[in-house]
C-alpha atoms as a PDB file:
ATOM      1  CA  UNK A   1      62.934  47.528  63.358  1.00  0.00           C
ATOM      2  CA  UNK A   2      62.829  51.322  63.689  1.00  0.00           C
ATOM      3  CA  UNK A   3      66.532  51.307  64.517  1.00  0.00           C
ATOM      4  CA  UNK A   4      67.372  49.374  61.350  1.00  0.00           C
ATOM      5  CA  UNK A   5      65.340  51.775  59.215  1.00  0.00           C
ATOM      6  CA  UNK A   6      66.968  54.781  60.886  1.00  0.00           C
ATOM      7  CA  UNK A   7      70.454  53.312  60.351  1.00  0.00           C
ATOM      8  CA  UNK A   8      69.693  52.579  56.690  1.00  0.00           C
ATOM      9  CA  UNK A   9      68.369  56.116  56.227  1.00  0.00           C
ATOM     10  CA  UNK A  10      71.492  57.553  57.814  1.00  0.00           C
ATOM     11  CA  UNK A  11      73.726  55.479  55.540  1.00  0.00           C
ATOM     12  CA  UNK A  12      71.779  56.615  52.467  1.00  0.00           C
ATOM     13  CA  UNK A  13      71.992  60.234  53.616  1.00  0.00           C
ATOM     14  CA  UNK A  14      75.728  60.069  54.242  1.00  0.00           C
ATOM     15  CA  UNK A  15      76.319  58.166  51.014  1.00  0.00           C
ATOM     16  CA  UNK A  16      74.535  60.876  49.054  1.00  0.00           C
ATOM     17  CA  UNK A  17      76.636  63.662  50.529  1.00  0.00           C
ATOM     18  CA  UNK A  18      79.215  63.374  47.777  1.00  0.00           C
ATOM     19  CA  UNK A  19      76.649  63.479  44.999  1.00  0.00           C
ATOM     20  CA  UNK A  20      74.847  66.748  45.690  1.00  0.00           C
ATOM     21  CA  UNK A  21      75.896  70.313  46.367  1.00  0.00           C
ATOM     22  CA  UNK A  22      74.534  69.761  49.878  1.00  0.00           C
ATOM     23  CA  UNK A  23      77.347  67.234  50.366  1.00  0.00           C
ATOM     24  CA  UNK A  24      79.939  69.952  49.775  1.00  0.00           C
ATOM     25  CA  UNK A  25      78.192  72.225  52.277  1.00  0.00           C
ATOM     26  CA  UNK A  26      77.953  69.385  54.814  1.00  0.00           C
ATOM     27  CA  UNK A  27      81.661  68.567  54.525  1.00  0.00           C
ATOM     28  CA  UNK A  28      82.701  72.216  54.933  1.00  0.00           C
ATOM     29  CA  UNK A  29      80.268  72.739  57.828  1.00  0.00           C
ATOM     30  CA  UNK A  30      81.384  69.575  59.635  1.00  0.00           C
ATOM     31  CA  UNK A  31      85.054  70.338  58.983  1.00  0.00           C
ATOM     32  CA  UNK A  32      84.732  73.872  60.325  1.00  0.00           C
ATOM     33  CA  UNK A  33      82.780  72.850  63.401  1.00  0.00           C
ATOM     34  CA  UNK A  34      85.054  69.910  64.174  1.00  0.00           C
ATOM     35  CA  UNK A  35      88.146  72.126  63.850  1.00  0.00           C
ATOM     36  CA  UNK A  36      86.644  74.616  66.301  1.00  0.00           C
ATOM     37  CA  UNK A  37      85.727  71.800  68.687  1.00  0.00           C
ATOM     38  CA  UNK A  38      89.252  70.373  68.419  1.00  0.00           C
ATOM     39  CA  UNK A  39      90.740  73.799  69.180  1.00  0.00           C
ATOM     40  CA  UNK A  40      88.458  74.172  72.198  1.00  0.00           C
ATOM     41  CA  UNK A  41      89.267  70.668  73.427  1.00  0.00           C
ATOM     42  CA  UNK A  42      92.996  71.290  73.124  1.00  0.00           C
ATOM     43  CA  UNK A  43      92.696  74.636  74.900  1.00  0.00           C
ATOM     44  CA  UNK A  44      90.706  73.067  77.737  1.00  0.00           C
ATOM     45  CA  UNK A  45      93.205  70.211  78.017  1.00  0.00           C
ATOM     46  CA  UNK A  46      96.161  72.575  78.261  1.00  0.00           C
ATOM     47  CA  UNK A  47      94.312  74.616  80.882  1.00  0.00           C
ATOM     48  CA  UNK A  48      93.703  71.426  82.850  1.00  0.00           C
ATOM     49  CA  UNK A  49      97.346  70.346  82.702  1.00  0.00           C
ATOM     50  CA  UNK A  50      98.806  73.787  83.377  1.00  0.00           C
ATOM     51  CA  UNK A  51      96.312  75.479  85.705  1.00  0.00           C
ATOM     52  CA  UNK A  52      94.154  72.854  87.425  1.00  0.00           C
ATOM     53  CA  UNK A  53      96.866  70.343  88.313  1.00  0.00           C
ATOM     54  CA  UNK A  54      98.637  70.378  91.674  1.00  0.00           C
ATOM     55  CA  UNK A  55     102.388  70.861  91.756  1.00  0.00           C
ATOM     56  CA  UNK A  56     102.710  67.411  93.337  1.00  0.00           C
ATOM     57  CA  UNK A  57     100.933  65.819  90.375  1.00  0.00           C
ATOM     58  CA  UNK A  58     103.125  67.786  87.967  1.00  0.00           C
ATOM     59  CA  UNK A  59     106.281  66.640  89.746  1.00  0.00           C
ATOM     60  CA  UNK A  60     105.145  62.988  89.819  1.00  0.00           C
ATOM     61  CA  UNK A  61     104.346  63.049  86.094  1.00  0.00           C
ATOM     62  CA  UNK A  62     106.980  65.347  84.620  1.00  0.00           C
ATOM     63  CA  UNK A  63     109.654  65.628  87.320  1.00  0.00           C
ATOM     64  CA  UNK A  64     111.365  62.314  86.638  1.00  0.00           C
ATOM     65  CA  UNK A  65     113.332  63.555  83.651  1.00  0.00           C
ATOM     66  CA  UNK A  66     114.659  66.877  82.448  1.00  0.00           C
ATOM     67  CA  UNK A  67     113.153  66.289  78.998  1.00  0.00           C
ATOM     68  CA  UNK A  68     109.659  65.759  80.427  1.00  0.00           C
ATOM     69  CA  UNK A  69     109.916  68.825  82.672  1.00  0.00           C
ATOM     70  CA  UNK A  70     111.185  70.916  79.751  1.00  0.00           C
ATOM     71  CA  UNK A  71     108.146  69.776  77.745  1.00  0.00           C
ATOM     72  CA  UNK A  72     105.815  70.796  80.602  1.00  0.00           C
ATOM     73  CA  UNK A  73     107.466  74.208  80.882  1.00  0.00           C
ATOM     74  CA  UNK A  74     107.314  74.743  77.109  1.00  0.00           C
ATOM     75  CA  UNK A  75     103.615  73.811  77.070  1.00  0.00           C
ATOM     76  CA  UNK A  76     102.538  75.792  80.113  1.00  0.00           C
ATOM     77  CA  UNK A  77     104.882  78.759  80.021  1.00  0.00           C
ATOM     78  CA  UNK A  78     105.574  79.499  76.351  1.00  0.00           C
ATOM     79  CA  UNK A  79     107.850  82.353  75.405  1.00  0.00           C
ATOM     80  CA  UNK A  80     105.739  85.263  74.123  1.00  0.00           C
ATOM     81  CA  UNK A  81     107.613  85.695  70.847  1.00  0.00           C
ATOM     82  CA  UNK A  82     108.461  82.068  70.180  1.00  0.00           C
ATOM     83  CA  UNK A  83     108.233  81.249  66.480  1.00  0.00           C
ATOM     84  CA  UNK A  84     105.517  78.917  65.242  1.00  0.00           C
ATOM     85  CA  UNK A  85     107.101  75.963  63.521  1.00  0.00           C
ATOM     86  CA  UNK A  86     105.302  75.394  60.207  1.00  0.00           C
ATOM     87  CA  UNK A  87     104.086  71.958  59.222  1.00  0.00           C
ATOM     88  CA  UNK A  88     106.293  70.904  56.349  1.00  0.00           C
ATOM     89  CA  UNK A  89     105.596  68.420  53.554  1.00  0.00           C
ATOM     90  CA  UNK A  90     106.838  64.839  53.907  1.00  0.00           C
ATOM     91  CA  UNK A  91     110.570  64.424  53.782  1.00  0.00           C
ATOM     92  CA  UNK A  92     113.453  65.516  55.932  1.00  0.00           C
ATOM     93  CA  UNK A  93     112.531  68.241  58.376  1.00  0.00           C
ATOM     94  CA  UNK A  94     114.185  71.589  57.805  1.00  0.00           C
ATOM     95  CA  UNK A  95     116.536  72.841  60.483  1.00  0.00           C
ATOM     96  CA  UNK A  96     114.668  74.955  63.007  1.00  0.00           C
ATOM     97  CA  UNK A  97     115.831  78.519  63.367  1.00  0.00           C
ATOM     98  CA  UNK A  98     115.441  79.593  66.966  1.00  0.00           C
ATOM     99  CA  UNK A  99     116.287  83.230  67.614  1.00  0.00           C
ATOM    100  CA  UNK A 100     118.557  83.869  70.549  1.00  0.00           C
ATOM    101  CA  UNK A 101     117.579  86.601  72.971  1.00  0.00           C
END
């Protein structure tokens, strides 16, 4: 019974978030914290793939095709001045401009 009351209270609380100014604060707070957690998770994942994985595991996973190995190299050994490709609106993707060294 306590669980049902707690669940109902949670639903009422979350439902009221859009009505009050607290709802705006909650959405911004949750959005900011979740973005930071996502950044940390991605960073930790890349560290795991690039630093904590044995070369044998890398070769078994990525060494079967040139495209896969190129993706691993691009992820783990990025060029220092590589441009960041912006996220574009829906539609055809613009041609990427990659500077030549």
